[in-house]
Every structure is written in C-alpha cells, then in structure tokens.
Protein backbone atom coordinates (compact mmCIF):
# COMPACT_ATOMS: atom_id res chain seq x y z
CA MET A 1 33.06 41.52 -38.71
CA LYS A 2 34.64 38.75 -36.82
CA SER A 3 32.44 35.91 -35.64
CA LYS A 4 32.61 34.99 -32.03
CA ASN A 5 32.68 31.38 -30.88
CA MET A 6 29.76 30.81 -28.55
CA SER A 7 29.36 27.68 -26.46
CA LEU A 8 25.70 26.73 -26.42
CA GLU A 9 24.28 24.09 -24.12
CA TYR A 10 21.35 22.14 -25.51
CA ASN A 11 18.91 20.08 -23.46
CA THR A 12 19.87 17.00 -25.45
CA GLN A 13 23.45 17.44 -24.27
CA ARG A 14 22.58 17.92 -20.61
CA GLU A 15 22.37 15.23 -18.01
CA ASP A 16 18.94 14.14 -16.92
CA VAL A 17 17.47 15.93 -13.92
CA ILE A 18 17.29 13.39 -11.15
CA GLN A 19 14.58 15.10 -9.08
CA LYS A 20 12.51 17.04 -11.61
CA GLU A 21 10.35 18.73 -8.98
CA TYR A 22 13.35 20.84 -7.91
CA GLY A 23 14.71 21.65 -11.34
CA ARG A 24 18.14 21.66 -12.95
CA ASN A 25 19.55 24.62 -11.02
CA VAL A 26 19.11 22.88 -7.68
CA GLN A 27 20.87 19.83 -9.05
CA LYS A 28 23.78 22.03 -10.17
CA LEU A 29 23.99 23.47 -6.67
CA VAL A 30 24.19 19.95 -5.28
CA GLU A 31 27.06 19.16 -7.66
CA TYR A 32 28.80 22.34 -6.52
CA ILE A 33 28.43 21.48 -2.83
CA LYS A 34 30.11 18.14 -3.51
CA THR A 35 33.22 20.03 -4.71
CA VAL A 36 33.55 22.19 -1.56
CA GLU A 37 36.50 20.88 0.41
CA ASP A 38 35.72 22.53 3.74
CA LYS A 39 33.23 20.27 5.51
CA GLU A 40 31.83 23.04 7.68
CA LYS A 41 30.99 25.06 4.58
CA ARG A 42 29.49 21.96 2.95
CA ASN A 43 27.22 21.54 5.97
CA GLN A 44 26.15 25.19 5.80
CA TYR A 45 25.51 25.04 2.06
CA ALA A 46 23.55 21.79 2.39
CA GLN A 47 21.37 23.27 5.13
CA THR A 48 20.72 26.38 3.04
CA LEU A 49 19.90 24.28 0.00
CA THR A 50 17.39 22.14 1.89
CA ASP A 51 15.66 25.35 3.03
CA LEU A 52 15.48 26.39 -0.61
CA MET A 53 14.10 23.00 -1.61
CA ARG A 54 11.30 23.40 0.94
CA GLN A 55 10.31 26.70 -0.65
CA ILE A 56 10.40 25.23 -4.15
CA ASN A 57 8.27 22.23 -3.21
CA PRO A 58 5.81 23.42 -0.52
CA ASN A 59 3.16 20.81 -1.29
CA LEU A 60 3.76 18.95 1.95
CA LEU A 61 3.52 20.36 5.44
CA ARG A 62 6.85 21.83 6.45
CA GLU A 63 6.24 21.08 10.12
CA ASN A 64 5.98 17.40 9.36
CA ALA A 65 9.10 15.50 10.44
CA GLU A 66 8.65 13.04 7.58
CA TYR A 67 8.71 15.92 5.10
CA ASP A 68 12.02 17.17 6.53
CA GLN A 69 13.48 13.72 6.07
CA LYS A 70 12.18 13.55 2.50
CA VAL A 71 13.97 16.80 1.63
CA TRP A 72 17.27 15.43 2.91
CA ASP A 73 16.65 12.12 1.14
CA ASP A 74 16.08 14.02 -2.09
CA LEU A 75 19.31 15.91 -1.55
CA TYR A 76 21.25 12.65 -1.19
CA ILE A 77 19.52 11.22 -4.25
CA MET A 78 20.51 14.23 -6.35
CA SER A 79 24.08 13.82 -5.15
CA ARG A 80 23.95 10.18 -6.32
CA PHE A 81 24.58 9.17 -2.70
CA ASP A 82 27.98 10.89 -2.78
CA LEU A 83 27.63 13.78 -0.33
CA ASP A 84 29.59 13.97 2.91
CA VAL A 85 27.60 16.31 5.15
CA GLU A 86 26.15 16.23 8.62
CA SER A 87 22.38 15.97 8.43
CA PRO A 88 19.63 15.24 10.98
CA PHE A 89 18.79 12.06 9.04
CA PRO A 90 20.98 9.20 7.81
CA MET A 91 21.64 8.75 4.13
CA PRO A 92 19.01 6.39 2.66
CA GLU A 93 20.07 3.09 1.19
CA LYS A 94 20.49 3.25 -2.55
CA GLU A 95 18.74 -0.09 -3.03
CA SER A 96 15.60 1.19 -1.29
CA ILE A 97 15.04 4.04 -3.77
CA GLY A 98 12.42 3.19 -6.36
CA LYS A 99 11.82 -0.19 -4.78
CA LYS A 100 8.24 -1.35 -5.08
CA PRO A 101 6.49 -1.98 -1.77
CA GLN A 102 5.88 -5.57 -0.87
CA ARG A 103 2.44 -6.89 -1.57
CA MET A 104 0.24 -7.31 1.47
CA ALA A 105 -0.42 -10.87 2.46
CA TYR A 106 -4.10 -11.63 2.26
CA LYS A 107 -5.82 -14.51 3.96
CA THR A 108 -5.81 -17.45 1.63
CA ASN A 109 -8.60 -19.42 3.25
CA GLU A 110 -11.68 -19.21 1.08
CA ILE A 111 -15.01 -17.98 2.40
CA LYS A 112 -17.61 -20.70 1.96
CA PHE A 113 -20.46 -18.22 1.42
CA ARG A 114 -19.31 -14.77 0.31
CA HIS A 115 -22.68 -13.12 0.84
CA TYR A 116 -22.43 -13.91 4.57
CA GLY A 117 -18.90 -12.60 5.01
CA ARG A 118 -15.93 -13.71 7.08
CA ASN A 119 -17.21 -12.21 10.34
CA LEU A 120 -20.23 -14.49 10.31
CA GLU A 121 -17.96 -17.49 9.87
CA MET A 122 -16.12 -16.32 12.99
CA MET A 123 -19.45 -16.20 14.84
CA VAL A 124 -20.15 -19.77 13.79
CA LYS A 125 -16.75 -20.79 15.10
CA LEU A 126 -17.47 -19.11 18.46
CA ALA A 127 -20.84 -20.86 18.66
CA VAL A 128 -19.12 -24.21 18.15
CA GLU A 129 -16.84 -23.49 21.12
CA MET A 130 -19.76 -22.73 23.47
CA GLU A 131 -20.27 -25.46 26.04
CA ASP A 132 -23.63 -24.31 27.40
CA GLU A 133 -26.42 -25.77 25.22
CA GLU A 134 -28.82 -22.88 25.78
CA SER A 135 -26.17 -20.30 24.86
CA ARG A 136 -25.26 -22.30 21.75
CA GLU A 137 -28.90 -22.53 20.69
CA ASN A 138 -29.39 -18.78 21.13
CA ALA A 139 -26.21 -18.17 19.13
CA ILE A 140 -27.53 -20.37 16.30
CA ILE A 141 -30.79 -18.41 16.25
CA HIS A 142 -28.92 -15.09 16.12
CA ILE A 143 -26.64 -16.37 13.35
CA GLY A 144 -29.62 -17.68 11.38
CA ARG A 145 -31.32 -14.29 11.52
CA LEU A 146 -28.19 -12.53 10.33
CA MET A 147 -27.80 -15.00 7.48
CA LYS A 148 -31.38 -14.46 6.41
CA SER A 149 -30.87 -10.70 6.45
CA PHE A 150 -27.53 -10.86 4.58
CA PHE A 151 -28.93 -13.19 1.94
CA SER A 152 -31.90 -10.91 1.37
CA ASN A 153 -29.66 -7.85 0.96
CA TRP A 154 -27.30 -9.71 -1.38
CA ASN A 155 -29.83 -11.46 -3.61
CA LYS A 156 -32.93 -9.32 -3.08
CA ASP A 157 -34.79 -12.53 -2.33
CA ASN A 158 -35.86 -14.68 0.61
CA ILE A 159 -34.18 -17.88 1.70
CA GLU A 160 -35.80 -20.92 3.25
CA ASP A 161 -35.03 -21.84 6.86
CA GLU A 162 -33.95 -25.32 5.73
CA VAL A 163 -31.28 -23.79 3.50
CA ILE A 164 -29.97 -21.63 6.35
CA ALA A 165 -29.80 -24.71 8.56
CA GLN A 166 -27.79 -26.51 5.88
CA HIS A 167 -25.41 -23.58 5.55
CA ILE A 168 -24.86 -23.42 9.32
CA HIS A 169 -24.18 -27.15 9.30
CA ARG A 170 -21.61 -26.76 6.51
CA MET A 171 -19.93 -23.69 7.98
CA SER A 172 -19.55 -25.43 11.33
CA LYS A 173 -18.27 -28.60 9.64
CA GLY A 174 -21.18 -30.55 11.05
CA GLN A 175 -20.65 -29.44 14.66
CA LEU A 176 -23.79 -27.27 14.91
CA VAL A 177 -27.08 -29.09 14.54
CA VAL A 178 -30.18 -26.97 13.93
CA ASN A 179 -33.58 -28.14 15.17
CA ILE A 180 -35.33 -27.05 11.98
CA GLU A 181 -38.80 -28.11 13.18
CA LYS A 182 -38.55 -25.89 16.23
CA ILE A 183 -37.09 -23.05 14.17
CA LYS A 184 -39.96 -23.14 11.69
CA GLU A 185 -42.69 -23.69 14.29
CA GLU A 186 -41.61 -20.68 16.39
CA GLY A 187 -40.31 -18.61 13.48
CA LEU A 188 -36.98 -18.14 15.25
CA PHE A 189 -35.06 -17.10 12.11
CA ASN A 190 -37.55 -14.32 11.34
CA THR A 191 -36.23 -10.88 12.23
CA SER A 192 -39.72 -9.74 13.24
CA VAL A 193 -39.80 -12.24 16.11
CA ARG A 194 -38.15 -11.09 19.34
CA GLU A 195 -34.95 -12.96 20.14
CA ARG A 196 -34.80 -15.08 23.26
CA ARG A 197 -32.46 -13.99 25.98
CA PRO A 198 -30.44 -16.58 27.85
CA SER A 199 -31.60 -17.13 31.39
CA SER A 200 -29.19 -15.49 33.83
CA GLY A 201 -30.41 -17.27 36.96
CA PRO A 202 -33.45 -18.74 38.70
CA SER A 203 -36.92 -17.68 37.55
CA ASN A 204 -38.95 -15.02 39.36
CA GLN A 205 -41.13 -17.71 40.93
CA ASN A 206 -38.12 -19.56 42.34
CA ARG A 207 -36.62 -16.30 43.63
CA LYS A 208 -39.95 -15.54 45.38
CA LYS A 209 -40.00 -18.98 47.04
CA ASN A 210 -36.42 -18.58 48.26
CA TYR A 211 -37.23 -15.12 49.66
CA THR A 212 -40.30 -16.52 51.56
CA LYS A 213 -38.22 -19.36 53.05
CA ARG A 214 -35.61 -16.93 54.32
CA ARG A 215 -38.25 -14.77 56.02
CA ARG A 216 -39.82 -17.75 57.77
CA ALA A 217 -36.42 -18.90 58.99
C-alpha cells in the first residue's frame, strides 16, 4: 500500500491570531479580501465580513455607533493596516493601537487638613473675599460648624473651639480672625445652636416707624 503525502498544519507553524475574539478563520478571510483585485468586490466582501464579525462578537450593542467603528477598526487591525476599501470610518492610526491612555493630571496643591476636604478650603477662600463684615462672620461660623462635624466623623472625637479657630486662621493664611471668646460664650460652633441669618434690611421696628411717617405725611 502506497503512503500518501499529507500536508498537516500545526498551531506552532501558524501565524498568531491578531484579534483572538474573532478567530483564525476570520483572519484568513481578511487576508483573502486583500488579494481581491476588484475594489467593488473588496468593498462588498469587507461589508459582509464586518456583519459576520458583529454576529461572532455580540457583546456590545450593535446599534451603538462606537461599536460599528470598533468592528471596522478591528478589520483594519487584522489586515495589518493594509486594506484598501471604502468604509464609513477612517482607518485608525497604527501608532494609536495598544497605546496606553495618558494619566489624568491631578491637582498638586496639598490639602492642609485632609479630614476637612478641599471643598471646605474653597469655602474659606470665599469667606476671605467677602467684604461685608457681618457676612464674613456668619461664613466663619458656618465653616466652624462644618469643621467640627467633619472632625467628629473622621476621628470619632470632639475638637475644641480654639483648635478650629487656629485651623481657620491657617487655612485662610491669617486673613480670617475668629473672635474665640464670642464663639465660646454663645456656642456658635455647636451644631445644636441655630445659625444666625444675615440681616437683609432694616429691622421690623424701623420698618414700622417708616410706615407711620408715610401715613402721617
């Protein structure tokens, strides 16, 4: 009996699959499309192949425009960026494939007191910019209460009013001065005490006097 010569193809002799999620057969089809001389046929075959690729890899929403672009990008990648077809998306740049995204730039300025957070530092900055003394004092009281609450949540402990006053002074770079005697006497940093509201105009008594004067006139 005569032996027949058989040509066997082993995995170790095959080229690596570029896009493993589609498999080796799809990659062979891509290589075949590259050999088709008629451009119109190449376009038709490429469109048909991308439809097949959507069915093979249905993990993403097919209605998503970004998914459609990804399929065409994968097709170009499998062709090693050597495929002349008309597609709804441009061929991606070879240098952009596999490129690690740039690291996000984080703010480098350090937070003086991490348990208070950056937003509270912004509130201190706004209080410094206030020109009205009463508004600035009310802002300091509100900030002090928040700091007392944040410190308690962070450390599970209470903090003295004098320490809060020192922290406000440091965070404002010495521009906010806290009347600690008044704060302690009236308990203004205590969350149980009702916050003062800034006066929005003349008192009720003054408004009553003005109304009486107008009637007499």
